[in-house]
Amino acid sequence: MGINSESDSGANLQIGPTSKGMVRIFIETETQEIPMDFEPEEAEEIAEELRAAAMQARKSTGKR
């Protein structure tokens, strides 16, 4: 499955700080839990990538 493939799978997403000064992205499906910890600087880079992807998506669909 690639980034452009549609899926009927569902997941819960949580994002927040940890007690050790990291930023955790936690993904939970019916069968898996995936915790991913990032340094704050890495989390900011991910946020920038999300914003850039959202802008590109808006351009391709004409949504604002």
Protein backbone atom coordinates (compact mmCIF):
# COMPACT_ATOMS: atom_id res chain seq x y z
CA MET A 1 0.00 0.00 0.00
CA GLY A 2 1.38 3.39 -0.94
CA ILE A 3 0.70 6.90 0.27
CA ASN A 4 -1.83 7.47 -2.50
CA SER A 5 -3.80 4.24 -1.95
CA GLU A 6 -7.20 4.48 -0.29
CA SER A 7 -7.97 2.29 2.70
CA ASP A 8 -10.96 1.41 4.84
CA SER A 9 -8.71 0.81 7.84
CA GLY A 10 -9.23 3.03 10.85
CA ALA A 11 -6.83 4.19 13.52
CA ASN A 12 -6.71 6.51 16.50
CA LEU A 13 -3.98 9.14 16.58
CA GLN A 14 -2.73 10.91 19.68
CA ILE A 15 0.07 13.48 19.85
CA GLY A 16 1.56 14.93 23.00
CA PRO A 17 4.62 15.50 25.15
CA THR A 18 6.20 12.73 27.22
CA SER A 19 7.60 13.03 30.72
CA LYS A 20 11.09 12.71 29.22
CA GLY A 21 10.86 15.82 27.04
CA MET A 22 10.01 14.03 23.82
CA VAL A 23 7.00 14.43 21.54
CA ARG A 24 5.08 11.20 21.06
CA ILE A 25 2.90 10.30 18.11
CA PHE A 26 0.82 7.32 19.19
CA ILE A 27 -1.15 5.33 16.63
CA GLU A 28 -3.60 2.66 17.72
CA THR A 29 -5.46 0.23 15.47
CA GLU A 30 -7.60 -2.75 16.36
CA THR A 31 -4.50 -4.95 16.40
CA GLN A 32 -1.50 -2.68 17.00
CA GLU A 33 -0.18 0.18 19.13
CA ILE A 34 2.65 2.21 17.61
CA PRO A 35 4.39 4.76 19.84
CA MET A 36 6.88 7.00 18.04
CA ASP A 37 8.99 9.44 20.06
CA PHE A 38 10.72 12.47 18.54
CA GLU A 39 13.00 15.22 19.78
CA PRO A 40 11.13 18.56 19.82
CA GLU A 41 13.13 19.76 16.80
CA GLU A 42 12.17 16.64 14.84
CA ALA A 43 8.51 17.16 15.80
CA GLU A 44 8.69 20.72 14.46
CA GLU A 45 10.10 19.41 11.17
CA ILE A 46 7.24 16.90 10.95
CA ALA A 47 4.73 19.71 11.62
CA GLU A 48 6.27 21.73 8.78
CA GLU A 49 6.00 18.73 6.46
CA LEU A 50 2.34 18.28 7.42
CA ARG A 51 1.62 21.94 6.68
CA ALA A 52 3.37 21.71 3.31
CA ALA A 53 1.45 18.55 2.41
CA ALA A 54 -1.84 20.21 3.41
CA MET A 55 -1.05 23.17 1.14
CA GLN A 56 -0.27 20.83 -1.76
CA ALA A 57 -3.47 18.87 -1.14
CA ARG A 58 -5.50 22.08 -1.20
CA LYS A 59 -3.94 23.09 -4.50
CA SER A 60 -4.74 19.74 -6.09
CA THR A 61 -8.38 19.73 -4.97
CA GLY A 62 -9.11 23.44 -5.13
CA LYS A 63 -10.07 23.51 -1.42
CA ARG A 64 -8.92 26.32 0.86
